[in-house]
Amino acid sequence: EDDAYVLSALVPGIKADELNIQVLEDVVRIEGEYKRSSPADKAEENQYLVRELPNGSFHRTLRLPAPLDAEHVEADITDGVLTLRLPKAESARPRQIKIKSR
């Protein structure tokens, strides 16, 4: 978008309060941890031939091409998809310059 970046990330099975999102200047960092749902899952771990569910902690750091307005970042998580709307800092937004004629 002209005034913001929109970032989407797949985070299946993670709740909003289990994510940590940090924004500093032009850098976005997303952290979280995939946890097993119950102790029985851990006990059964060796019984799987193939298990495609993520496990453990993760982090992702992205540097964007322009500074961000950290105060107005919006985050939403729906059906395992995290969506961040990251407004560009006022100094990075395009401006219309009016020309004076004499």
Protein backbone atom coordinates (compact mmCIF):
# COMPACT_ATOMS: atom_id res chain seq x y z
CA GLU A 1 0.00 0.00 0.00
CA ASP A 2 1.14 3.58 -0.45
CA ASP A 3 1.18 4.34 3.27
CA ALA A 4 1.83 0.89 4.80
CA TYR A 5 3.26 -2.59 4.31
CA VAL A 6 1.06 -5.64 4.86
CA LEU A 7 2.84 -8.75 6.11
CA SER A 8 1.24 -12.21 6.40
CA ALA A 9 2.78 -15.18 8.19
CA LEU A 10 1.53 -18.72 8.75
CA VAL A 11 1.48 -19.59 12.45
CA PRO A 12 -0.78 -22.66 12.72
CA GLY A 13 -1.91 -23.55 16.22
CA ILE A 14 -0.45 -20.46 17.89
CA LYS A 15 -2.68 -18.08 19.83
CA ALA A 16 -2.28 -14.31 19.80
CA ASP A 17 -0.92 -14.17 23.35
CA GLU A 18 1.79 -16.70 22.43
CA LEU A 19 3.38 -14.38 19.85
CA ASN A 20 5.83 -11.56 20.45
CA ILE A 21 6.01 -8.88 17.75
CA GLN A 22 8.57 -6.08 17.90
CA VAL A 23 8.95 -3.13 15.54
CA LEU A 24 11.98 -0.83 15.60
CA GLU A 25 12.61 1.69 12.81
CA ASP A 26 12.54 -0.50 9.66
CA VAL A 27 12.81 -3.94 11.33
CA VAL A 28 9.99 -6.32 12.30
CA ARG A 29 10.66 -9.33 14.54
CA ILE A 30 8.11 -12.10 15.14
CA GLU A 31 8.77 -14.71 17.84
CA GLY A 32 6.75 -17.64 19.13
CA GLU A 33 6.83 -21.26 20.13
CA TYR A 34 4.97 -24.28 18.88
CA LYS A 35 4.02 -26.39 21.88
CA ARG A 36 2.77 -29.93 22.08
CA SER A 37 -0.87 -30.04 23.03
CA SER A 38 -0.58 -32.60 25.82
CA PRO A 39 1.91 -34.79 27.71
CA ALA A 40 0.49 -37.79 25.84
CA ASP A 41 1.80 -36.29 22.57
CA LYS A 42 5.31 -36.19 24.01
CA ALA A 43 5.08 -39.81 25.17
CA GLU A 44 3.91 -40.88 21.70
CA GLU A 45 6.63 -38.95 19.85
CA ASN A 46 8.72 -42.02 19.10
CA GLN A 47 5.72 -43.81 17.60
CA TYR A 48 5.51 -41.51 14.56
CA LEU A 49 7.16 -42.46 11.31
CA VAL A 50 6.55 -38.96 9.90
CA ARG A 51 5.26 -35.95 11.81
CA GLU A 52 4.72 -32.71 9.90
CA LEU A 53 3.57 -30.53 12.79
CA PRO A 54 6.06 -27.79 13.72
CA ASN A 55 7.66 -28.00 17.14
CA GLY A 56 9.83 -25.63 19.19
CA SER A 57 10.54 -21.93 19.20
CA PHE A 58 10.97 -19.75 16.13
CA HIS A 59 11.77 -16.19 15.20
CA ARG A 60 11.76 -14.25 11.99
CA THR A 61 13.35 -10.84 11.46
CA LEU A 62 12.55 -8.74 8.40
CA ARG A 63 14.08 -5.45 7.33
CA LEU A 64 11.72 -3.33 5.24
CA PRO A 65 12.76 -0.63 2.75
CA ALA A 66 11.37 2.29 4.80
CA PRO A 67 11.06 3.28 8.48
CA LEU A 68 7.82 2.24 10.22
CA ASP A 69 5.38 3.98 12.55
CA ALA A 70 5.53 1.49 15.45
CA GLU A 71 2.76 3.28 17.38
CA HIS A 72 0.14 2.45 14.73
CA VAL A 73 0.98 -1.15 13.81
CA GLU A 74 -2.11 -3.41 13.66
CA ALA A 75 -1.94 -7.19 14.18
CA ASP A 76 -4.63 -9.80 13.59
CA ILE A 77 -4.54 -13.59 13.72
CA THR A 78 -7.27 -15.62 12.00
CA ASP A 79 -7.24 -19.33 11.19
CA GLY A 80 -3.49 -19.61 11.76
CA VAL A 81 -2.58 -16.61 9.60
CA LEU A 82 -0.96 -13.60 11.26
CA THR A 83 -1.53 -10.34 9.36
CA LEU A 84 0.40 -7.20 10.28
CA ARG A 85 -0.37 -3.77 8.87
CA LEU A 86 2.82 -1.77 9.26
CA PRO A 87 2.31 1.94 8.51
CA LYS A 88 5.28 3.75 7.04
CA ALA A 89 6.73 6.54 9.14
CA GLU A 90 5.50 9.98 8.12
CA SER A 91 8.96 10.82 6.76
CA ALA A 92 8.82 7.80 4.40
CA ARG A 93 5.38 8.51 2.91
CA PRO A 94 5.02 10.12 -0.50
CA ARG A 95 4.05 13.76 -0.37
CA GLN A 96 2.23 15.90 -2.90
CA ILE A 97 4.12 19.10 -3.47
CA LYS A 98 2.10 22.15 -4.48
CA ILE A 99 3.78 24.45 -6.92
CA LYS A 100 3.35 28.17 -6.56
CA SER A 101 3.15 30.21 -9.72
CA ARG A 102 3.76 33.91 -10.05
